[in-house]
Amino acid sequence: MEKFGYRFSFGPWNIHEGADPFGPTVRPSVLFDKKVEILKDLGYDAMQFHDDDVVPDLDKFSAAEISQQARAIRAKLADHGLVAEFVAPRLWESPKTIDGAYTANDPKMRQYAIDRSKKAADIAHEVGCNLMVLWLAREGTYMREAKDASRAAHHMLEAVNALLNYDKDLRIAIETKPNEPMDMAYIPTIGHALALGAQSDDPQRVGCLVESAHAILAGLDPSDEMAFGLAFDKLYSVHLNDQNGLKFDEDKSFGSVDLRRAFNEVRVLDGNRFFEKGMVGMDVKALRTQPAELATKHLRNSLQVFLRLVGIVRSLDQAKMKELIAARDYEELDWFIMNSLLGSH
C-alpha cells in the first residue's frame, strides 16, 4: 500500500464499545494487545494515548510504578514495529475537575490538573515521544458569571508554562473544540490556541492539533484551520474524521459525509508537505450499529480515503488550475475539481 510518505495513528478509544451520549455500550471491550495487532495489520504506524490509556488509575501509583508500566507499553509497541505519537492528560473525568482543570476556581484543583499533566509528560518520555496534546475539555463554564474569563486565560498560560519548564523537550499541541462537554469553551479555535502559545515561555514548543469535527462544530472549515496552523509551522498533528453538521461530536469515518471537504483537507496537508512535519491521526469511531466482528472497518476506510485523495491531489493539472484561477473562471475550476473527484477525464 503506497502511503506517499505519510505516517498514520489512532488511539485505543477508536476501537470502542459503541456507547454514545444517549445510550450504553453495544459491543464487548477489546483488549489493548489486540488493538495493537489491529493497528499494525491495518497499516498504521503509531498509537495515540491518554495518560491513563498507558497507566490505568495512574493517580494510585508512585512515579516509579508509572514509569515501569509506561516502559512495558513502549516495549509492546516496539514488538510490532510501532511507536507512540503523543500522550494527552485526561483532565475531564476526575471529580476534582468538574469546575474546570487549569481554570477551576479552586487553586487546589488547578494544582491537581498541573500535577496530573506533569505525570503525563513523564509517561510520554517513557513511551518514547515528546508530544503532549492538550484537549482543554473543562476549560470553560456553564455560566458566564461563574468565572472570570480573563483570569482563566492566565491560569491556562500558567499551566502551559509549568509544563514547558518541567520538561525542556516537551512539545505541546493544543486541541480546540468550541463546545462539548463545556457549554462555553475558553479556547474554541486554533487562533485562540496559537495566541495562547505565543504568550508562553517558549512559543517554539507550542502548536496545535486540528480535528475535522471540532472545526465543523465551530462553523469553520477544517482545511482553513489546518492552513492557518501550517502557515506559521504550528500544526503538530491532525485528527481526521467527519461530522453531520452541528450535532454532538460524531467522529464519523473520514470523508464519509463531505468528500469535497475531505479533499481540501488532504490538499492543504499535502501542499504544505505535512508528511514531513507530523502524523495523520484518524479519530474515528465505528457506527453504533456495526457488529463487533466488523467494527474496525471505519479505520480501514478512513486510511484508504485519505490515500486515494492524496493520489487525486497529486495528479491534478496544476497549470490548468492556475490558468482557470487567472481567468477567474471559478465555475470551470469547480467542474475541474468535481470531475477529478468523480473519476471522469
Protein backbone atom coordinates (compact mmCIF):
# COMPACT_ATOMS: atom_id res chain seq x y z
CA MET A 1 0.00 0.00 0.00
CA GLU A 2 1.55 3.30 -1.16
CA LYS A 3 1.48 5.76 1.75
CA PHE A 4 3.09 8.74 -0.02
CA GLY A 5 5.48 9.35 2.88
CA TYR A 6 2.69 9.71 5.46
CA ARG A 7 2.55 8.03 8.85
CA PHE A 8 -0.79 7.28 10.49
CA SER A 9 -2.08 6.81 14.01
CA PHE A 10 -5.20 6.15 16.01
CA GLY A 11 -5.99 5.77 19.71
CA PRO A 12 -7.28 2.83 21.74
CA TRP A 13 -10.61 4.68 22.05
CA ASN A 14 -11.15 4.38 18.29
CA ILE A 15 -11.91 0.67 18.74
CA HIS A 16 -14.72 1.12 21.19
CA GLU A 17 -17.84 -0.37 22.69
CA GLY A 18 -20.35 1.84 20.89
CA ALA A 19 -21.66 3.98 23.73
CA ASP A 20 -22.78 7.44 22.72
CA PRO A 21 -24.06 10.44 24.74
CA PHE A 22 -27.54 8.94 24.69
CA GLY A 23 -27.05 5.21 25.17
CA PRO A 24 -24.91 2.43 26.69
CA THR A 25 -22.32 0.15 25.15
CA VAL A 26 -23.39 -2.30 22.44
CA ARG A 27 -20.12 -4.19 21.77
CA PRO A 28 -17.69 -6.01 24.07
CA SER A 29 -14.37 -4.42 25.00
CA VAL A 30 -11.25 -5.32 23.03
CA LEU A 31 -8.01 -5.94 24.90
CA PHE A 32 -5.20 -3.45 24.36
CA ASP A 33 -2.84 -6.08 22.97
CA LYS A 34 -5.43 -6.94 20.32
CA LYS A 35 -5.81 -3.27 19.43
CA VAL A 36 -2.07 -3.05 18.85
CA GLU A 37 -2.27 -6.02 16.47
CA ILE A 38 -5.18 -4.41 14.61
CA LEU A 39 -3.32 -1.11 14.32
CA LYS A 40 -0.37 -2.87 12.70
CA ASP A 41 -2.50 -5.06 10.43
CA LEU A 42 -4.44 -2.05 9.09
CA GLY A 43 -1.22 -0.30 8.04
CA TYR A 44 -1.00 2.28 10.79
CA ASP A 45 2.32 3.34 12.30
CA ALA A 46 1.65 4.74 15.77
CA MET A 47 -0.71 4.71 18.72
CA GLN A 48 -2.17 7.82 20.32
CA PHE A 49 -2.60 7.79 24.09
CA HIS A 50 -4.27 9.43 27.01
CA ASP A 51 -2.11 9.14 30.10
CA ASP A 52 -4.42 6.55 31.66
CA ASP A 53 -4.52 4.51 28.46
CA VAL A 54 -0.88 3.80 29.28
CA VAL A 55 -1.24 3.60 33.07
CA PRO A 56 -4.85 2.97 34.18
CA ASP A 57 -5.76 4.63 37.50
CA LEU A 58 -2.40 6.37 37.42
CA ASP A 59 -3.21 8.62 40.40
CA LYS A 60 -2.91 5.50 42.57
CA PHE A 61 0.69 4.75 41.59
CA SER A 62 4.13 6.07 42.52
CA ALA A 63 6.40 7.69 39.93
CA ALA A 64 8.48 4.51 39.74
CA GLU A 65 5.40 2.34 39.17
CA ILE A 66 4.13 4.70 36.47
CA SER A 67 7.48 4.57 34.69
CA GLN A 68 7.55 0.78 34.83
CA GLN A 69 4.09 0.42 33.30
CA ALA A 70 4.83 3.01 30.62
CA ARG A 71 8.03 1.25 29.59
CA ALA A 72 6.08 -2.01 29.27
CA ILE A 73 3.68 -0.34 26.81
CA ARG A 74 6.60 1.04 24.82
CA ALA A 75 8.02 -2.48 24.57
CA LYS A 76 4.68 -3.85 23.31
CA LEU A 77 4.61 -1.23 20.57
CA ALA A 78 8.21 -1.89 19.62
CA ASP A 79 7.48 -5.61 19.29
CA HIS A 80 5.12 -4.71 16.44
CA GLY A 81 7.34 -2.05 14.88
CA LEU A 82 5.12 0.73 16.22
CA VAL A 83 5.66 3.92 18.22
CA ALA A 84 3.64 6.33 20.35
CA GLU A 85 2.61 9.59 18.69
CA PHE A 86 1.54 11.58 21.75
CA VAL A 87 0.25 11.40 25.31
CA ALA A 88 -2.66 13.60 26.46
CA PRO A 89 -3.52 14.16 30.13
CA ARG A 90 -7.12 13.13 30.78
CA LEU A 91 -8.28 16.13 32.81
CA TRP A 92 -12.03 15.94 32.29
CA GLU A 93 -13.18 12.83 34.16
CA SER A 94 -11.89 13.37 37.69
CA PRO A 95 -14.29 14.59 40.40
CA LYS A 96 -11.62 17.21 41.07
CA THR A 97 -12.11 18.85 37.67
CA ILE A 98 -15.87 19.23 37.38
CA ASP A 99 -15.43 23.02 37.68
CA GLY A 100 -12.51 23.04 35.27
CA ALA A 101 -8.94 21.76 35.35
CA TYR A 102 -6.42 24.55 34.74
CA THR A 103 -9.25 27.10 35.10
CA ALA A 104 -11.01 25.72 38.17
CA ASN A 105 -11.93 28.37 40.71
CA ASP A 106 -10.32 26.28 43.47
CA PRO A 107 -6.50 26.65 43.39
CA LYS A 108 -6.08 23.12 44.80
CA MET A 109 -7.92 21.72 41.81
CA ARG A 110 -5.81 23.79 39.42
CA GLN A 111 -2.69 22.39 41.05
CA TYR A 112 -4.05 18.85 40.72
CA ALA A 113 -4.50 19.42 36.98
CA ILE A 114 -0.93 20.65 36.58
CA ASP A 115 0.47 17.78 38.64
CA ARG A 116 -1.55 15.26 36.61
CA SER A 117 -0.22 16.84 33.41
CA LYS A 118 3.35 16.52 34.63
CA LYS A 119 2.72 12.80 35.13
CA ALA A 120 1.51 12.67 31.54
CA ALA A 121 4.76 14.32 30.43
CA ASP A 122 6.70 11.65 32.32
CA ILE A 123 4.65 8.94 30.64
CA ALA A 124 5.29 10.49 27.22
CA HIS A 125 9.02 10.37 27.92
CA GLU A 126 8.84 6.72 28.94
CA VAL A 127 6.84 5.63 25.87
CA GLY A 128 9.31 7.43 23.61
CA CYS A 129 7.59 10.59 22.41
CA ASN A 130 7.87 14.26 23.29
CA LEU A 131 4.44 15.45 22.12
CA MET A 132 1.62 16.24 24.54
CA VAL A 133 -1.86 17.02 23.29
CA LEU A 134 -3.96 19.31 25.47
CA TRP A 135 -7.67 18.97 24.87
CA LEU A 136 -8.92 21.71 27.19
CA ALA A 137 -12.24 19.95 27.69
CA ARG A 138 -13.26 21.51 31.03
CA GLU A 139 -11.67 24.89 30.42
CA GLY A 140 -14.80 26.93 30.15
CA THR A 141 -18.02 27.40 32.04
CA TYR A 142 -21.72 26.61 32.06
CA MET A 143 -22.49 30.11 33.30
CA ARG A 144 -20.62 33.25 32.25
CA GLU A 145 -20.82 34.83 35.67
CA ALA A 146 -19.28 31.79 37.40
CA LYS A 147 -15.72 32.52 36.22
CA ASP A 148 -13.50 35.41 35.22
CA ALA A 149 -12.60 34.60 31.60
CA SER A 150 -9.59 36.96 31.52
CA ARG A 151 -8.20 35.41 34.68
CA ALA A 152 -8.88 31.95 33.28
CA ALA A 153 -6.70 32.73 30.25
CA HIS A 154 -3.80 33.47 32.59
CA HIS A 155 -4.46 30.24 34.50
CA MET A 156 -4.17 28.30 31.24
CA LEU A 157 -0.98 30.14 30.35
CA GLU A 158 0.46 29.35 33.77
CA ALA A 159 -0.28 25.65 33.20
CA VAL A 160 1.36 25.64 29.77
CA ASN A 161 4.42 27.39 31.17
CA ALA A 162 4.63 24.95 34.06
CA LEU A 163 4.76 22.06 31.60
CA LEU A 164 7.27 23.72 29.30
CA ASN A 165 9.56 24.40 32.23
CA TYR A 166 9.05 20.93 33.72
CA ASP A 167 10.22 19.12 30.57
CA LYS A 168 12.53 21.07 28.26
CA ASP A 169 11.99 18.59 25.40
CA LEU A 170 8.21 18.62 25.59
CA ARG A 171 6.16 19.97 22.68
CA ILE A 172 2.54 20.91 23.34
CA ALA A 173 -0.25 20.71 20.76
CA ILE A 174 -3.44 22.43 21.88
CA GLU A 175 -6.56 20.73 20.52
CA THR A 176 -9.52 23.05 20.36
CA LYS A 177 -13.26 22.40 20.45
CA PRO A 178 -15.96 25.08 20.66
CA ASN A 179 -18.44 23.10 22.75
CA GLU A 180 -18.96 19.74 24.45
CA PRO A 181 -18.51 19.00 27.24
CA MET A 182 -18.48 22.65 28.38
CA ASP A 183 -21.27 24.92 27.24
CA MET A 184 -18.82 27.79 26.66
CA ALA A 185 -15.18 26.96 25.89
CA TYR A 186 -12.40 29.45 26.54
CA ILE A 187 -10.12 28.25 23.72
CA PRO A 188 -12.62 27.36 20.96
CA THR A 189 -10.49 27.77 17.81
CA ILE A 190 -6.95 27.31 16.55
CA GLY A 191 -6.48 31.08 16.54
CA HIS A 192 -7.13 31.16 20.28
CA ALA A 193 -4.72 28.26 20.83
CA LEU A 194 -1.89 29.87 18.89
CA ALA A 195 -2.44 33.21 20.60
CA LEU A 196 -2.08 31.47 23.96
CA GLY A 197 1.06 29.68 22.79
CA ALA A 198 2.59 32.91 21.53
CA GLN A 199 2.45 34.31 25.08
CA SER A 200 4.14 31.26 26.62
CA ASP A 201 7.69 30.99 27.93
CA ASP A 202 8.75 29.05 24.82
CA PRO A 203 6.42 29.68 21.85
CA GLN A 204 8.58 27.47 19.64
CA ARG A 205 7.30 24.43 21.52
CA VAL A 206 3.58 25.24 21.49
CA GLY A 207 1.44 24.47 18.48
CA CYS A 208 -1.94 22.98 17.71
CA LEU A 209 -3.88 19.91 16.68
CA VAL A 210 -6.81 20.38 14.33
CA GLU A 211 -9.69 17.91 14.44
CA SER A 212 -12.07 17.96 11.49
CA ALA A 213 -15.25 17.57 13.55
CA HIS A 214 -14.24 20.22 16.08
CA ALA A 215 -13.74 22.79 13.31
CA ILE A 216 -17.10 21.89 11.78
CA LEU A 217 -18.75 22.30 15.20
CA ALA A 218 -17.30 25.83 15.31
CA GLY A 219 -18.88 26.59 11.91
CA LEU A 220 -15.41 26.60 10.33
CA ASP A 221 -13.82 24.63 7.52
CA PRO A 222 -11.16 22.17 8.78
CA SER A 223 -8.85 22.85 5.84
CA ASP A 224 -8.75 26.56 6.70
CA GLU A 225 -7.91 25.80 10.33
CA MET A 226 -5.15 23.46 9.17
CA ALA A 227 -3.86 26.04 6.71
CA PHE A 228 -3.70 28.66 9.45
CA GLY A 229 -1.60 26.38 11.64
CA LEU A 230 0.61 25.36 8.72
CA ALA A 231 1.19 28.98 7.73
CA PHE A 232 3.13 29.50 10.95
CA ASP A 233 4.57 25.96 11.20
CA LYS A 234 2.33 25.28 14.21
CA LEU A 235 0.30 22.31 13.04
CA TYR A 236 1.80 19.46 15.05
CA SER A 237 -0.90 16.85 14.36
CA VAL A 238 -4.37 16.35 12.93
CA HIS A 239 -7.39 14.24 13.86
CA LEU A 240 -9.31 13.47 10.72
CA ASN A 241 -12.95 12.42 10.79
CA ASP A 242 -16.28 13.73 9.57
CA GLN A 243 -19.39 15.28 11.02
CA ASN A 244 -23.06 15.71 10.12
CA GLY A 245 -23.41 19.38 10.95
CA LEU A 246 -23.82 20.87 14.41
CA LYS A 247 -24.61 17.72 16.35
CA PHE A 248 -22.59 16.11 19.11
CA ASP A 249 -19.03 15.14 18.15
CA GLU A 250 -19.78 12.15 15.90
CA ASP A 251 -16.26 11.07 14.80
CA LYS A 252 -17.58 9.58 11.58
CA SER A 253 -15.20 7.98 9.08
CA PHE A 254 -13.05 10.49 7.21
CA GLY A 255 -14.74 11.72 4.05
CA SER A 256 -17.96 9.82 4.69
CA VAL A 257 -20.13 12.95 4.94
CA ASP A 258 -18.45 15.54 2.70
CA LEU A 259 -15.86 14.19 0.28
CA ARG A 260 -15.10 17.64 -1.15
CA ARG A 261 -14.33 18.93 2.33
CA ALA A 262 -12.09 15.91 2.97
CA PHE A 263 -10.37 16.51 -0.39
CA ASN A 264 -9.49 20.05 0.67
CA GLU A 265 -8.10 18.87 4.00
CA VAL A 266 -5.81 16.47 2.15
CA ARG A 267 -4.95 19.12 -0.45
CA VAL A 268 -3.85 21.57 2.25
CA LEU A 269 -1.86 18.97 4.14
CA ASP A 270 -0.13 17.60 1.07
CA GLY A 271 0.52 21.02 -0.46
CA ASN A 272 2.34 22.01 2.72
CA ARG A 273 4.26 18.71 2.90
CA PHE A 274 2.72 17.72 6.21
CA PHE A 275 4.17 14.23 5.78
CA GLU A 276 7.50 15.84 6.76
CA LYS A 277 6.05 17.53 9.85
CA GLY A 278 3.72 15.19 11.72
CA MET A 279 1.45 12.17 11.72
CA VAL A 280 -2.08 11.89 10.41
CA GLY A 281 -4.37 10.73 13.19
CA MET A 282 -7.72 9.13 12.47
CA ASP A 283 -10.05 9.96 15.35
CA VAL A 284 -12.98 7.92 14.07
CA LYS A 285 -15.48 5.57 15.64
CA ALA A 286 -17.47 2.70 14.20
CA LEU A 287 -21.17 3.28 13.69
CA ARG A 288 -23.08 2.23 16.78
CA THR A 289 -24.94 -0.46 14.82
CA GLN A 290 -21.77 -2.09 13.46
CA PRO A 291 -21.33 -5.71 14.68
CA ALA A 292 -18.34 -6.29 16.93
CA GLU A 293 -16.53 -8.54 14.47
CA LEU A 294 -16.74 -5.80 11.80
CA ALA A 295 -16.01 -2.79 13.98
CA THR A 296 -12.61 -1.83 12.57
CA LYS A 297 -13.69 -1.02 9.02
CA HIS A 298 -14.05 2.67 9.90
CA LEU A 299 -10.28 2.75 10.44
CA ARG A 300 -9.61 0.93 7.18
CA ASN A 301 -12.00 3.19 5.27
CA SER A 302 -10.55 6.41 6.68
CA LEU A 303 -6.98 5.46 5.80
CA GLN A 304 -7.92 4.35 2.29
CA VAL A 305 -9.96 7.50 1.62
CA PHE A 306 -7.03 9.67 2.71
CA LEU A 307 -4.56 7.84 0.48
CA ARG A 308 -6.88 7.87 -2.54
CA LEU A 309 -7.38 11.60 -2.07
CA VAL A 310 -3.61 12.13 -1.91
CA GLY A 311 -3.40 10.38 -5.27
CA ILE A 312 -6.05 12.70 -6.71
CA VAL A 313 -4.38 15.80 -5.26
CA ARG A 314 -1.01 14.86 -6.72
CA SER A 315 -2.49 14.08 -10.14
CA LEU A 316 -4.19 17.46 -10.56
CA ASP A 317 -3.07 19.52 -13.55
CA GLN A 318 -1.64 22.47 -11.64
CA ALA A 319 -1.02 24.51 -14.79
CA LYS A 320 -4.68 24.11 -15.75
CA MET A 321 -5.77 25.20 -12.27
CA LYS A 322 -3.57 28.32 -12.42
CA GLU A 323 -4.97 29.15 -15.84
CA LEU A 324 -8.55 28.94 -14.58
CA ILE A 325 -7.76 30.97 -11.45
CA ALA A 326 -6.04 33.68 -13.52
CA ALA A 327 -9.10 33.87 -15.76
CA ARG A 328 -11.40 33.96 -12.72
CA ASP A 329 -13.28 31.07 -14.31
CA TYR A 330 -14.23 29.61 -10.97
CA GLU A 331 -17.19 27.65 -12.33
CA GLU A 332 -14.82 25.79 -14.63
CA LEU A 333 -12.44 25.30 -11.71
CA ASP A 334 -15.32 23.85 -9.72
CA TRP A 335 -16.13 21.47 -12.57
CA PHE A 336 -12.46 20.52 -12.88
CA ILE A 337 -12.33 19.53 -9.18
CA MET A 338 -15.65 17.69 -9.34
CA ASN A 339 -14.51 15.75 -12.40
CA SER A 340 -11.34 14.77 -10.57
CA LEU A 341 -13.30 13.51 -7.57
CA LEU A 342 -15.79 11.67 -9.75
CA GLY A 343 -13.01 9.97 -11.71
CA SER A 344 -14.05 11.45 -15.05
CA HIS A 345 -11.47 12.53 -17.61
